[in-house]
C-alpha atoms as a PDB file:
ATOM      1  CA  MET A   1     -26.325  15.547   7.033  1.00  0.00           C
ATOM      2  CA  ASN A   2     -24.456  13.694   9.749  1.00  0.00           C
ATOM      3  CA  SER A   3     -21.194  15.235  10.924  1.00  0.00           C
ATOM      4  CA  ALA A   4     -18.164  13.700  12.620  1.00  0.00           C
ATOM      5  CA  ARG A   5     -15.558  14.749  15.148  1.00  0.00           C
ATOM      6  CA  ILE A   6     -12.202  14.215  13.437  1.00  0.00           C
ATOM      7  CA  LEU A   7      -8.573  13.981  14.521  1.00  0.00           C
ATOM      8  CA  PHE A   8      -6.270  14.578  11.543  1.00  0.00           C
ATOM      9  CA  ILE A   9      -2.769  13.050  11.350  1.00  0.00           C
ATOM     10  CA  GLY A  10      -0.249  13.982   8.651  1.00  0.00           C
ATOM     11  CA  ASN A  11       3.119  15.509   7.842  1.00  0.00           C
ATOM     12  CA  PRO A  12       3.980  16.676   4.298  1.00  0.00           C
ATOM     13  CA  GLU A  13       2.507  19.112   1.810  1.00  0.00           C
ATOM     14  CA  PHE A  14       0.572  16.211   0.248  1.00  0.00           C
ATOM     15  CA  SER A  15      -1.666  16.227   3.356  1.00  0.00           C
ATOM     16  CA  ILE A  16      -2.640  19.905   3.169  1.00  0.00           C
ATOM     17  CA  PRO A  17      -5.534  19.715   0.609  1.00  0.00           C
ATOM     18  CA  SER A  18      -7.162  16.994   2.729  1.00  0.00           C
ATOM     19  CA  LEU A  19      -6.738  19.048   5.891  1.00  0.00           C
ATOM     20  CA  ASN A  20      -8.206  22.122   4.178  1.00  0.00           C
ATOM     21  CA  ASN A  21     -11.219  20.205   2.876  1.00  0.00           C
ATOM     22  CA  ILE A  22     -12.055  18.845   6.312  1.00  0.00           C
ATOM     23  CA  VAL A  23     -11.625  22.245   7.976  1.00  0.00           C
ATOM     24  CA  TYR A  24     -14.099  23.875   5.563  1.00  0.00           C
ATOM     25  CA  SER A  25     -16.571  20.964   5.592  1.00  0.00           C
ATOM     26  CA  HIS A  26     -19.563  20.396   7.901  1.00  0.00           C
ATOM     27  CA  HIS A  27     -17.394  18.083  10.012  1.00  0.00           C
ATOM     28  CA  LYS A  28     -15.641  19.189  13.197  1.00  0.00           C
ATOM     29  CA  LEU A  29     -11.843  19.010  13.170  1.00  0.00           C
ATOM     30  CA  VAL A  30     -10.952  18.768  16.860  1.00  0.00           C
ATOM     31  CA  GLY A  31      -7.186  18.342  16.587  1.00  0.00           C
ATOM     32  CA  VAL A  32      -4.153  17.764  14.371  1.00  0.00           C
ATOM     33  CA  VAL A  33      -1.232  15.423  15.062  1.00  0.00           C
ATOM     34  CA  THR A  34       2.110  15.789  13.273  1.00  0.00           C
ATOM     35  CA  SER A  35       5.755  14.877  13.841  1.00  0.00           C
ATOM     36  CA  ILE A  36       8.026  16.869  16.118  1.00  0.00           C
ATOM     37  CA  ASP A  37      10.205  19.614  14.649  1.00  0.00           C
ATOM     38  CA  LYS A  38      13.513  18.329  13.301  1.00  0.00           C
ATOM     39  CA  MET A  39      16.887  19.914  12.635  1.00  0.00           C
ATOM     40  CA  LYS A  40      17.596  20.241   8.926  1.00  0.00           C
ATOM     41  CA  GLY A  41      20.178  21.761   6.628  1.00  0.00           C
ATOM     42  CA  ARG A  42      23.733  22.837   7.165  1.00  0.00           C
ATOM     43  CA  GLY A  43      22.665  25.431   9.698  1.00  0.00           C
ATOM     44  CA  LYS A  44      20.971  22.729  11.805  1.00  0.00           C
ATOM     45  CA  LYS A  45      17.870  24.869  12.254  1.00  0.00           C
ATOM     46  CA  PHE A  46      14.642  23.355  13.515  1.00  0.00           C
ATOM     47  CA  SER A  47      12.078  22.825  10.782  1.00  0.00           C
ATOM     48  CA  GLU A  48       8.405  21.986  11.283  1.00  0.00           C
ATOM     49  CA  THR A  49       6.227  19.871   9.023  1.00  0.00           C
ATOM     50  CA  SER A  50       4.006  21.399   6.342  1.00  0.00           C
ATOM     51  CA  ILE A  51       0.941  20.285   8.312  1.00  0.00           C
ATOM     52  CA  SER A  52       2.281  22.018  11.420  1.00  0.00           C
ATOM     53  CA  GLU A  53       2.676  25.285   9.516  1.00  0.00           C
ATOM     54  CA  ARG A  54      -0.806  25.056   7.977  1.00  0.00           C
ATOM     55  CA  SER A  55      -2.429  24.128  11.302  1.00  0.00           C
ATOM     56  CA  LYS A  56      -0.946  27.224  12.920  1.00  0.00           C
ATOM     57  CA  GLU A  57      -2.275  29.383  10.071  1.00  0.00           C
ATOM     58  CA  LEU A  58      -5.747  27.934  10.697  1.00  0.00           C
ATOM     59  CA  ASN A  59      -5.361  28.198  14.495  1.00  0.00           C
ATOM     60  CA  LEU A  60      -6.065  24.492  14.977  1.00  0.00           C
ATOM     61  CA  PRO A  61      -5.273  22.497  18.140  1.00  0.00           C
ATOM     62  CA  LEU A  62      -1.892  20.917  17.378  1.00  0.00           C
ATOM     63  CA  TYR A  63      -0.159  17.906  18.941  1.00  0.00           C
ATOM     64  CA  LYS A  64       3.472  16.897  18.370  1.00  0.00           C
ATOM     65  CA  PRO A  65       4.081  13.807  20.515  1.00  0.00           C
ATOM     66  CA  LYS A  66       7.548  12.300  20.639  1.00  0.00           C
ATOM     67  CA  ASN A  67       5.931   8.931  21.241  1.00  0.00           C
ATOM     68  CA  LEU A  68       2.451   8.009  19.963  1.00  0.00           C
ATOM     69  CA  ASN A  69       2.144   5.525  22.849  1.00  0.00           C
ATOM     70  CA  ASP A  70       2.740   8.202  25.476  1.00  0.00           C
ATOM     71  CA  LYS A  71      -0.024   7.938  28.108  1.00  0.00           C
ATOM     72  CA  ASN A  72      -0.445  11.694  28.524  1.00  0.00           C
ATOM     73  CA  PHE A  73      -0.855  12.111  24.765  1.00  0.00           C
ATOM     74  CA  LEU A  74      -3.350   9.236  24.534  1.00  0.00           C
ATOM     75  CA  ASN A  75      -5.383  10.648  27.428  1.00  0.00           C
ATOM     76  CA  GLN A  76      -5.533  14.023  25.685  1.00  0.00           C
ATOM     77  CA  ILE A  77      -6.839  12.376  22.509  1.00  0.00           C
ATOM     78  CA  LYS A  78      -9.426  10.331  24.422  1.00  0.00           C
ATOM     79  CA  LYS A  79     -10.862  13.538  25.881  1.00  0.00           C
ATOM     80  CA  LEU A  80     -11.533  14.842  22.335  1.00  0.00           C
ATOM     81  CA  ASP A  81     -14.320  12.252  21.890  1.00  0.00           C
ATOM     82  CA  ILE A  82     -13.409  11.576  18.250  1.00  0.00           C
ATOM     83  CA  ASP A  83     -15.423   9.626  15.693  1.00  0.00           C
ATOM     84  CA  PHE A  84     -12.593   9.222  13.172  1.00  0.00           C
ATOM     85  CA  ILE A  85      -8.844   9.456  12.882  1.00  0.00           C
ATOM     86  CA  ILE A  86      -7.918  10.580   9.360  1.00  0.00           C
ATOM     87  CA  VAL A  87      -4.366   9.720   8.288  1.00  0.00           C
ATOM     88  CA  VAL A  88      -2.656  11.231   5.244  1.00  0.00           C
ATOM     89  CA  ALA A  89       1.057  10.539   4.710  1.00  0.00           C
ATOM     90  CA  PHE A  90       2.217   9.405   8.134  1.00  0.00           C
ATOM     91  CA  ARG A  91       3.845   6.346   9.669  1.00  0.00           C
ATOM     92  CA  ILE A  92       2.082   3.248  11.018  1.00  0.00           C
ATOM     93  CA  LEU A  93      -0.082   4.033  14.066  1.00  0.00           C
ATOM     94  CA  PRO A  94       0.018   1.953  17.260  1.00  0.00           C
ATOM     95  CA  ASP A  95      -3.018  -0.049  18.397  1.00  0.00           C
ATOM     96  CA  SER A  96      -3.293   2.154  21.484  1.00  0.00           C
ATOM     97  CA  LEU A  97      -4.213   5.090  19.246  1.00  0.00           C
ATOM     98  CA  LEU A  98      -6.276   3.118  16.723  1.00  0.00           C
ATOM     99  CA  ARG A  99      -8.597   1.899  19.482  1.00  0.00           C
ATOM    100  CA  ILE A 100      -9.708   5.425  20.415  1.00  0.00           C
ATOM    101  CA  PRO A 101     -12.033   6.640  17.598  1.00  0.00           C
ATOM    102  CA  LYS A 102     -15.678   5.551  17.601  1.00  0.00           C
ATOM    103  CA  TYR A 103     -15.861   4.475  13.944  1.00  0.00           C
ATOM    104  CA  GLY A 104     -12.228   3.769  13.132  1.00  0.00           C
ATOM    105  CA  SER A 105      -9.288   5.308  11.282  1.00  0.00           C
ATOM    106  CA  ILE A 106      -9.199   6.092   7.563  1.00  0.00           C
ATOM    107  CA  ASN A 107      -6.033   6.404   5.504  1.00  0.00           C
ATOM    108  CA  LEU A 108      -5.550   8.020   2.091  1.00  0.00           C
ATOM    109  CA  HIS A 109      -3.069   6.239  -0.178  1.00  0.00           C
ATOM    110  CA  PRO A 110      -1.957   7.330  -3.700  1.00  0.00           C
ATOM    111  CA  SER A 111      -2.429   4.024  -5.531  1.00  0.00           C
ATOM    112  CA  LEU A 112      -5.204   1.594  -6.391  1.00  0.00           C
ATOM    113  CA  LEU A 113      -4.716  -0.806  -3.503  1.00  0.00           C
ATOM    114  CA  PRO A 114      -3.634  -3.546  -3.211  1.00  0.00           C
ATOM    115  CA  ARG A 115      -1.230  -2.399  -5.949  1.00  0.00           C
ATOM    116  CA  TYR A 116       1.794  -0.373  -4.839  1.00  0.00           C
ATOM    117  CA  ARG A 117       1.657  -0.805  -1.090  1.00  0.00           C
ATOM    118  CA  GLY A 118       4.405   1.149   0.597  1.00  0.00           C
ATOM    119  CA  ALA A 119       6.072   4.522   1.000  1.00  0.00           C
ATOM    120  CA  ALA A 120       6.639   5.483  -2.663  1.00  0.00           C
ATOM    121  CA  PRO A 121       3.680   4.424  -4.853  1.00  0.00           C
ATOM    122  CA  LEU A 122       3.840   7.399  -7.221  1.00  0.00           C
ATOM    123  CA  GLN A 123       7.564   7.021  -7.903  1.00  0.00           C
ATOM    124  CA  TRP A 124       7.343   3.294  -8.581  1.00  0.00           C
ATOM    125  CA  SER A 125       4.307   3.765 -10.835  1.00  0.00           C
ATOM    126  CA  ILE A 126       6.370   6.095 -13.047  1.00  0.00           C
ATOM    127  CA  ILE A 127       9.443   3.848 -12.959  1.00  0.00           C
ATOM    128  CA  ASN A 128       7.311   0.903 -14.070  1.00  0.00           C
ATOM    129  CA  SER A 129       5.753   2.791 -17.026  1.00  0.00           C
ATOM    130  CA  GLU A 130       2.225   2.652 -15.635  1.00  0.00           C
ATOM    131  CA  THR A 131      -0.326   4.550 -17.736  1.00  0.00           C
ATOM    132  CA  TYR A 132      -2.721   5.044 -14.850  1.00  0.00           C
ATOM    133  CA  SER A 133      -2.777   5.006 -11.070  1.00  0.00           C
ATOM    134  CA  GLY A 134      -5.310   6.140  -8.493  1.00  0.00           C
ATOM    135  CA  ILE A 135      -6.231   7.070  -4.943  1.00  0.00           C
ATOM    136  CA  THR A 136      -7.655   4.763  -2.293  1.00  0.00           C
ATOM    137  CA  THR A 137      -9.245   5.301   1.108  1.00  0.00           C
ATOM    138  CA  PHE A 138      -9.093   2.353   3.481  1.00  0.00           C
ATOM    139  CA  LEU A 139      -9.505   1.432   7.135  1.00  0.00           C
ATOM    140  CA  VAL A 140      -6.188   1.550   8.961  1.00  0.00           C
ATOM    141  CA  SER A 141      -4.795  -1.629  10.445  1.00  0.00           C
ATOM    142  CA  ASN A 142      -1.461  -2.351  12.116  1.00  0.00           C
ATOM    143  CA  LYS A 143      -0.149  -3.761   8.828  1.00  0.00           C
ATOM    144  CA  LEU A 144       1.190  -1.439   6.141  1.00  0.00           C
ATOM    145  CA  ASP A 145      -1.528  -0.485   3.605  1.00  0.00           C
ATOM    146  CA  LYS A 146      -3.429  -3.772   4.086  1.00  0.00           C
ATOM    147  CA  GLY A 147      -6.685  -2.492   5.624  1.00  0.00           C
ATOM    148  CA  ASP A 148     -10.127  -2.957   4.066  1.00  0.00           C
ATOM    149  CA  VAL A 149     -10.810  -0.629   1.125  1.00  0.00           C
ATOM    150  CA  LEU A 150     -13.589   1.976   1.343  1.00  0.00           C
ATOM    151  CA  LYS A 151     -13.395   3.964  -1.904  1.00  0.00           C
ATOM    152  CA  SER A 152     -11.000   4.435  -4.814  1.00  0.00           C
ATOM    153  CA  THR A 153     -10.748   6.472  -7.987  1.00  0.00           C
ATOM    154  CA  PRO A 154      -8.310   6.109 -10.918  1.00  0.00           C
ATOM    155  CA  PHE A 155      -6.404   8.823 -12.767  1.00  0.00           C
ATOM    156  CA  ILE A 156      -4.231   8.894 -15.882  1.00  0.00           C
ATOM    157  CA  ILE A 157      -0.435   9.112 -15.762  1.00  0.00           C
ATOM    158  CA  PHE A 158       0.499  11.224 -18.778  1.00  0.00           C
ATOM    159  CA  PRO A 159       3.789  10.627 -20.646  1.00  0.00           C
ATOM    160  CA  ASP A 160       5.318  13.863 -19.329  1.00  0.00           C
ATOM    161  CA  ASP A 161       4.110  13.468 -15.736  1.00  0.00           C
ATOM    162  CA  ASP A 162       6.862  13.548 -13.155  1.00  0.00           C
ATOM    163  CA  TYR A 163       6.710  12.877  -9.425  1.00  0.00           C
ATOM    164  CA  GLY A 164       5.966  16.534  -8.725  1.00  0.00           C
ATOM    165  CA  SER A 165       2.952  16.766 -11.037  1.00  0.00           C
ATOM    166  CA  LEU A 166       1.495  13.452  -9.813  1.00  0.00           C
ATOM    167  CA  TYR A 167       2.083  14.462  -6.188  1.00  0.00           C
ATOM    168  CA  PHE A 168       0.122  17.686  -6.657  1.00  0.00           C
ATOM    169  CA  ARG A 169      -2.693  16.174  -8.735  1.00  0.00           C
ATOM    170  CA  SER A 170      -3.217  13.100  -6.586  1.00  0.00           C
ATOM    171  CA  SER A 171      -3.295  15.188  -3.391  1.00  0.00           C
ATOM    172  CA  LYS A 172      -6.152  17.270  -4.850  1.00  0.00           C
ATOM    173  CA  ILE A 173      -8.089  14.235  -6.103  1.00  0.00           C
ATOM    174  CA  GLY A 174      -7.502  12.437  -2.820  1.00  0.00           C
ATOM    175  CA  SER A 175      -8.775  15.309  -0.688  1.00  0.00           C
ATOM    176  CA  LYS A 176     -12.163  15.147  -2.438  1.00  0.00           C
ATOM    177  CA  LEU A 177     -12.313  11.359  -2.246  1.00  0.00           C
ATOM    178  CA  LEU A 178     -11.534  11.483   1.471  1.00  0.00           C
ATOM    179  CA  LEU A 179     -14.449  13.797   2.233  1.00  0.00           C
ATOM    180  CA  LYS A 180     -16.823  11.592   0.211  1.00  0.00           C
ATOM    181  CA  THR A 181     -15.566   8.559   2.103  1.00  0.00           C
ATOM    182  CA  ILE A 182     -16.259  10.123   5.511  1.00  0.00           C
ATOM    183  CA  ASP A 183     -19.774  11.207   4.494  1.00  0.00           C
ATOM    184  CA  GLU A 184     -20.727   7.881   2.920  1.00  0.00           C
ATOM    185  CA  PHE A 185     -19.237   5.820   5.737  1.00  0.00           C
ATOM    186  CA  ILE A 186     -21.203   7.734   8.381  1.00  0.00           C
ATOM    187  CA  ASN A 187     -24.412   7.343   6.363  1.00  0.00           C
ATOM    188  CA  LYS A 188     -23.731   3.613   5.793  1.00  0.00           C
ATOM    189  CA  GLU A 189     -23.599   4.061   2.016  1.00  0.00           C
ATOM    190  CA  ILE A 190     -20.274   2.204   1.691  1.00  0.00           C
ATOM    191  CA  PHE A 191     -18.854  -0.846   3.425  1.00  0.00           C
ATOM    192  CA  PRO A 192     -15.256  -2.083   3.845  1.00  0.00           C
ATOM    193  CA  ILE A 193     -13.997  -4.544   1.231  1.00  0.00           C
ATOM    194  CA  PRO A 194     -11.004  -6.775   2.100  1.00  0.00           C
ATOM    195  CA  GLN A 195      -7.991  -6.446  -0.196  1.00  0.00           C
ATOM    196  CA  LYS A 196      -6.963  -9.371  -2.378  1.00  0.00           C
ATOM    197  CA  ASN A 197      -3.384 -10.009  -1.314  1.00  0.00           C
ATOM    198  CA  GLU A 198      -2.653 -12.063  -4.426  1.00  0.00           C
ATOM    199  CA  ASN A 199      -3.027  -8.860  -6.501  1.00  0.00           C
ATOM    200  CA  SER A 200      -0.654  -6.816  -4.356  1.00  0.00           C
ATOM    201  CA  THR A 201       2.572  -5.152  -5.465  1.00  0.00           C
ATOM    202  CA  LYS A 202       5.157  -3.267  -3.420  1.00  0.00           C
ATOM    203  CA  ALA A 203       6.339   0.343  -3.487  1.00  0.00           C
ATOM    204  CA  PRO A 204       9.206   0.434  -0.976  1.00  0.00           C
ATOM    205  CA  LYS A 205      10.922   3.565   0.309  1.00  0.00           C
ATOM    206  CA  ILE A 206      13.327   5.237  -2.117  1.00  0.00           C
ATOM    207  CA  PHE A 207      17.008   5.114  -1.132  1.00  0.00           C
ATOM    208  CA  PRO A 208      19.938   7.006  -2.751  1.00  0.00           C
ATOM    209  CA  ASN A 209      21.094   3.923  -4.660  1.00  0.00           C
ATOM    210  CA  ASP A 210      17.660   3.690  -6.320  1.00  0.00           C
ATOM    211  CA  CYS A 211      18.320   7.095  -7.908  1.00  0.00           C
ATOM    212  CA  LYS A 212      21.617   6.060  -9.545  1.00  0.00           C
ATOM    213  CA  ILE A 213      21.330   5.775 -13.336  1.00  0.00           C
ATOM    214  CA  ASN A 214      22.451   2.542 -14.965  1.00  0.00           C
ATOM    215  CA  TRP A 215      23.226   3.321 -18.619  1.00  0.00           C
ATOM    216  CA  ASN A 216      23.051  -0.371 -19.516  1.00  0.00           C
ATOM    217  CA  ILE A 217      19.234  -0.259 -19.800  1.00  0.00           C
ATOM    218  CA  SER A 218      16.860   1.279 -22.341  1.00  0.00           C
ATOM    219  CA  ALA A 219      16.599   5.032 -22.754  1.00  0.00           C
ATOM    220  CA  ASN A 220      12.886   4.872 -21.917  1.00  0.00           C
ATOM    221  CA  LYS A 221      13.591   3.233 -18.549  1.00  0.00           C
ATOM    222  CA  ILE A 222      16.188   5.890 -17.752  1.00  0.00           C
ATOM    223  CA  LYS A 223      13.743   8.639 -18.748  1.00  0.00           C
ATOM    224  CA  ASN A 224      11.175   7.097 -16.372  1.00  0.00           C
ATOM    225  CA  LYS A 225      13.712   7.227 -13.568  1.00  0.00           C
ATOM    226  CA  THR A 226      14.458  10.911 -14.198  1.00  0.00           C
ATOM    227  CA  LEU A 227      10.707  11.657 -14.079  1.00  0.00           C
ATOM    228  CA  ALA A 228      10.115   9.526 -10.983  1.00  0.00           C
ATOM    229  CA  PHE A 229      12.749  11.468  -9.025  1.00  0.00           C
ATOM    230  CA  SER A 230      11.910  14.958 -10.290  1.00  0.00           C
ATOM    231  CA  PRO A 231      11.896  17.461  -8.688  1.00  0.00           C
ATOM    232  CA  TYR A 232      13.252  15.469  -5.744  1.00  0.00           C
ATOM    233  CA  PRO A 233      15.613  13.751  -4.991  1.00  0.00           C
ATOM    234  CA  GLY A 234      16.889  13.611  -8.606  1.00  0.00           C
ATOM    235  CA  ALA A 235      18.161  10.709 -10.711  1.00  0.00           C
ATOM    236  CA  TYR A 236      21.947  11.006 -10.882  1.00  0.00           C
ATOM    237  CA  THR A 237      25.063   9.888 -12.691  1.00  0.00           C
ATOM    238  CA  PHE A 238      28.723  10.880 -12.352  1.00  0.00           C
ATOM    239  CA  PHE A 239      30.626  13.103 -14.760  1.00  0.00           C
ATOM    240  CA  LYS A 240      34.353  13.604 -14.191  1.00  0.00           C
ATOM    241  CA  ASN A 241      33.929  12.377 -10.592  1.00  0.00           C
ATOM    242  CA  LYS A 242      31.136  14.874  -9.843  1.00  0.00           C
ATOM    243  CA  ARG A 243      27.542  13.874  -9.141  1.00  0.00           C
ATOM    244  CA  LEU A 244      25.211  15.164 -11.835  1.00  0.00           C
ATOM    245  CA  LYS A 245      21.413  15.002 -11.638  1.00  0.00           C
ATOM    246  CA  ILE A 246      19.299  14.703 -14.785  1.00  0.00           C
ATOM    247  CA  PHE A 247      15.791  16.173 -14.783  1.00  0.00           C
ATOM    248  CA  SER A 248      14.658  16.518 -18.388  1.00  0.00           C
ATOM    249  CA  SER A 249      15.296  13.971 -21.131  1.00  0.00           C
ATOM    250  CA  LEU A 250      13.747  12.160 -24.103  1.00  0.00           C
ATOM    251  CA  PRO A 251      14.540   8.775 -25.633  1.00  0.00           C
ATOM    252  CA  SER A 252      16.046   8.804 -29.117  1.00  0.00           C
ATOM    253  CA  LEU A 253      16.136   6.012 -31.700  1.00  0.00           C
ATOM    254  CA  LYS A 254      19.726   6.907 -32.578  1.00  0.00           C
ATOM    255  CA  ASN A 255      22.076   4.070 -31.708  1.00  0.00           C
ATOM    256  CA  TYR A 256      25.778   4.528 -32.426  1.00  0.00           C
ATOM    257  CA  LYS A 257      26.595   1.193 -30.734  1.00  0.00           C
ATOM    258  CA  LYS A 258      29.106   2.909 -28.477  1.00  0.00           C
ATOM    259  CA  LYS A 259      29.858   2.133 -24.839  1.00  0.00           C
ATOM    260  CA  TYR A 260      27.011   2.652 -22.381  1.00  0.00           C
ATOM    261  CA  GLY A 261      27.119   6.152 -20.877  1.00  0.00           C
ATOM    262  CA  GLU A 262      29.215   7.586 -23.718  1.00  0.00           C
ATOM    263  CA  ILE A 263      28.282  10.987 -25.156  1.00  0.00           C
ATOM    264  CA  ILE A 264      27.613  10.288 -28.834  1.00  0.00           C
ATOM    265  CA  GLU A 265      26.236  13.575 -30.137  1.00  0.00           C
ATOM    266  CA  ILE A 266      26.268  17.224 -29.034  1.00  0.00           C
ATOM    267  CA  ASN A 267      23.777  19.819 -30.258  1.00  0.00           C
ATOM    268  CA  LYS A 268      23.174  23.438 -29.335  1.00  0.00           C
ATOM    269  CA  ASN A 269      20.489  22.729 -26.699  1.00  0.00           C
ATOM    270  CA  SER A 270      21.003  19.048 -25.861  1.00  0.00           C
ATOM    271  CA  PHE A 271      23.321  16.074 -26.062  1.00  0.00           C
ATOM    272  CA  LEU A 272      22.855  12.339 -26.554  1.00  0.00           C
ATOM    273  CA  VAL A 273      24.111   9.551 -24.291  1.00  0.00           C
ATOM    274  CA  GLN A 274      24.389   5.932 -25.435  1.00  0.00           C
ATOM    275  CA  CYS A 275      22.049   3.499 -23.656  1.00  0.00           C
ATOM    276  CA  LYS A 276      21.113  -0.095 -24.351  1.00  0.00           C
ATOM    277  CA  ASN A 277      19.927  -0.324 -28.001  1.00  0.00           C
ATOM    278  CA  SER A 278      19.127   3.414 -28.101  1.00  0.00           C
ATOM    279  CA  SER A 279      20.175   6.792 -26.710  1.00  0.00           C
ATOM    280  CA  LEU A 280      18.879   9.467 -24.368  1.00  0.00           C
ATOM    281  CA  LYS A 281      18.697  13.150 -25.252  1.00  0.00           C
ATOM    282  CA  ILE A 282      19.454  15.308 -22.183  1.00  0.00           C
ATOM    283  CA  TYR A 283      17.900  18.776 -21.778  1.00  0.00           C
ATOM    284  CA  GLN A 284      18.338  19.778 -18.115  1.00  0.00           C
ATOM    285  CA  VAL A 285      20.919  18.848 -15.489  1.00  0.00           C
ATOM    286  CA  GLN A 286      22.182  19.928 -12.075  1.00  0.00           C
ATOM    287  CA  TYR A 287      25.552  19.550 -10.409  1.00  0.00           C
ATOM    288  CA  GLU A 288      25.262  18.692  -6.724  1.00  0.00           C
ATOM    289  CA  GLY A 289      25.077  21.847  -4.644  1.00  0.00           C
ATOM    290  CA  ARG A 290      24.350  24.068  -7.667  1.00  0.00           C
ATOM    291  CA  LYS A 291      21.259  25.305  -9.482  1.00  0.00           C
ATOM    292  CA  LYS A 292      19.563  23.460 -12.321  1.00  0.00           C
ATOM    293  CA  MET A 293      20.832  24.432 -15.765  1.00  0.00           C
ATOM    294  CA  LYS A 294      19.866  23.870 -19.365  1.00  0.00           C
ATOM    295  CA  SER A 295      22.044  21.469 -21.307  1.00  0.00           C
ATOM    296  CA  SER A 296      23.249  24.374 -23.450  1.00  0.00           C
ATOM    297  CA  GLU A 297      24.819  25.941 -20.331  1.00  0.00           C
ATOM    298  CA  PHE A 298      26.270  22.627 -19.220  1.00  0.00           C
ATOM    299  CA  ILE A 299      27.846  22.001 -22.637  1.00  0.00           C
ATOM    300  CA  LEU A 300      29.562  25.401 -22.692  1.00  0.00           C
ATOM    301  CA  GLY A 301      30.588  25.452 -19.029  1.00  0.00           C
ATOM    302  CA  ASN A 302      32.142  21.982 -19.068  1.00  0.00           C
ATOM    303  CA  LYS A 303      33.629  21.876 -22.576  1.00  0.00           C
ATOM    304  CA  LEU A 304      31.629  18.755 -23.312  1.00  0.00           C
ATOM    305  CA  GLU A 305      33.039  16.536 -26.051  1.00  0.00           C
ATOM    306  CA  ILE A 306      31.885  13.505 -27.963  1.00  0.00           C
ATOM    307  CA  GLY A 307      33.455  10.473 -26.308  1.00  0.00           C
ATOM    308  CA  ASP A 308      33.127  11.829 -22.764  1.00  0.00           C
ATOM    309  CA  PHE A 309      31.494   9.419 -20.325  1.00  0.00           C
ATOM    310  CA  PHE A 310      28.810   9.351 -17.682  1.00  0.00           C
ATOM    311  CA  GLU A 311      29.388   6.692 -15.053  1.00  0.00           C
END
């Protein structure tokens, strides 16, 4: 079986299963590129990427260039004599780097391209009530997620899937698909297929305002938003001028025809909030800067009353 010399590029935990699979395959991983360490948190301590941590555990050659166009960095990569660059969850690469590998650069993307091009395909799939999504490998170009497709595989989005569960599952599925792609591409068993731009949809980066709950929509749409932003960054509303994140909820057919965002019913373990033409039953919340709590704790600790409002 033919083997390849591979340079791996990635940042978050999503990339780790793919890195692991390549390391323990018959291919030769000659280096790993990840972002520089950044200061995070209130203590302003330097934090490294998940791929950086895993690469150190595996004792892999690690590169953290400040600039991907840096000549010294590019010369180092050229000396590695690589067949492929494999990219999993990273930013757009410059042409100067893309020209180096013998066969090209392959990216792993958690959607069925050309649908959901962009930084947040899993989140937008949940928000839009999709019942399935998938993973795609494609040849990297200098345009975001528009390269020729190599392989893809679909998977189901279950009703209770949140961003966290899809993130974990798709990273595992994708790591296997990536290895198959490399093997079949080397052996000329697959060939690039151009994407049909007319079938494309967008999945732009998530900003804080995207996470704000609008109670003047259906309960099902609000539930989707809570799932799409769980466990991070959290769909939020405001209660008595404090930001409150909602993580677990279910739509209810009860409709008291009250004002949107009004608490219309309080039970022992949950409470209902009026939405458009229906209501949402809330089971788990979190005040900003505090731990997640069950609704039963929130009800007791905040003396919740019917007629209180979320804004």
